[in-house]
């Protein structure tokens, strides 16, 4: 096996590297946020309406199935 002849970095070098890593993270995050394409208000309203309608339809389906199963179990018991 090869010997590792490199010195272990000191405490302050590790702390400096840690904070440089944090700074790089925030720089990269800011850079990525500039690439984001935000939806228009019309798209947001449209998508919100679609979500509300889908949730309402699913709620009605679950309610109907619940009533059906409750009726079937009531007859069996």
Protein backbone atom coordinates (compact mmCIF):
# COMPACT_ATOMS: atom_id res chain seq x y z
CA UNK A 1 0.00 0.00 0.00
CA UNK A 2 1.09 3.53 -0.69
CA UNK A 3 1.91 5.75 2.23
CA UNK A 4 -0.17 8.88 2.68
CA UNK A 5 2.47 11.57 3.03
CA UNK A 6 0.09 14.54 2.96
CA UNK A 7 -0.49 16.43 6.17
CA UNK A 8 -3.92 16.61 7.67
CA UNK A 9 -5.26 20.18 7.34
CA UNK A 10 -5.31 22.18 10.54
CA UNK A 11 -8.41 23.24 12.44
CA UNK A 12 -8.56 26.74 10.96
CA UNK A 13 -8.08 25.43 7.42
CA UNK A 14 -11.01 23.04 7.93
CA UNK A 15 -13.20 25.83 9.35
CA UNK A 16 -12.26 28.09 6.43
CA UNK A 17 -13.10 25.28 3.98
CA UNK A 18 -16.42 24.70 5.73
CA UNK A 19 -17.47 28.34 5.37
CA UNK A 20 -16.22 28.46 1.78
CA UNK A 21 -18.45 25.46 1.07
CA UNK A 22 -21.45 27.26 2.59
CA UNK A 23 -20.71 30.39 0.54
CA UNK A 24 -20.42 28.27 -2.64
CA UNK A 25 -23.78 26.66 -1.85
CA UNK A 26 -25.51 30.04 -1.62
CA UNK A 27 -23.80 31.34 -4.78
CA UNK A 28 -24.89 28.22 -6.67
CA UNK A 29 -28.42 28.53 -5.27
CA UNK A 30 -28.68 32.17 -6.38
CA UNK A 31 -27.37 31.18 -9.81
CA UNK A 32 -29.99 28.43 -10.16
CA UNK A 33 -32.80 30.71 -8.98
CA UNK A 34 -32.03 33.06 -11.88
CA UNK A 35 -32.78 30.18 -14.27
CA UNK A 36 -36.24 29.49 -12.83
CA UNK A 37 -39.17 30.34 -15.09
CA UNK A 38 -42.04 31.38 -12.84
CA UNK A 39 -45.63 30.77 -13.97
CA UNK A 40 -47.90 33.69 -14.76
CA UNK A 41 -50.79 34.65 -12.49
CA UNK A 42 -53.25 33.19 -15.01
CA UNK A 43 -51.43 29.83 -14.97
CA UNK A 44 -51.38 29.76 -11.17
CA UNK A 45 -55.11 30.50 -10.94
CA UNK A 46 -55.87 27.88 -13.61
CA UNK A 47 -53.77 25.21 -11.89
CA UNK A 48 -55.34 26.03 -8.52
CA UNK A 49 -58.83 25.59 -9.97
CA UNK A 50 -57.83 22.27 -11.53
CA UNK A 51 -56.48 21.02 -8.20
CA UNK A 52 -59.63 22.07 -6.33
CA UNK A 53 -61.87 20.33 -8.89
CA UNK A 54 -59.81 17.12 -8.80
CA UNK A 55 -59.87 17.07 -4.99
CA UNK A 56 -63.65 17.63 -5.00
CA UNK A 57 -64.19 14.78 -7.51
CA UNK A 58 -61.99 12.43 -5.47
CA UNK A 59 -63.85 13.42 -2.30
CA UNK A 60 -67.20 12.57 -3.91
CA UNK A 61 -65.85 9.22 -5.16
CA UNK A 62 -64.57 8.28 -1.71
CA UNK A 63 -67.86 9.40 -0.13
CA UNK A 64 -69.88 7.24 -2.57
CA UNK A 65 -67.65 4.21 -2.01
CA UNK A 66 -67.90 4.70 1.76
CA UNK A 67 -71.70 4.82 1.57
CA UNK A 68 -71.74 1.71 -0.67
CA UNK A 69 -69.47 -0.32 1.63
CA UNK A 70 -71.37 0.85 4.72
CA UNK A 71 -74.64 -0.28 3.13
CA UNK A 72 -73.18 -3.66 2.11
CA UNK A 73 -71.75 -4.23 5.60
CA UNK A 74 -75.06 -3.15 7.16
CA UNK A 75 -76.90 -5.78 5.12
CA UNK A 76 -74.35 -8.48 5.96
CA UNK A 77 -74.44 -7.77 9.66
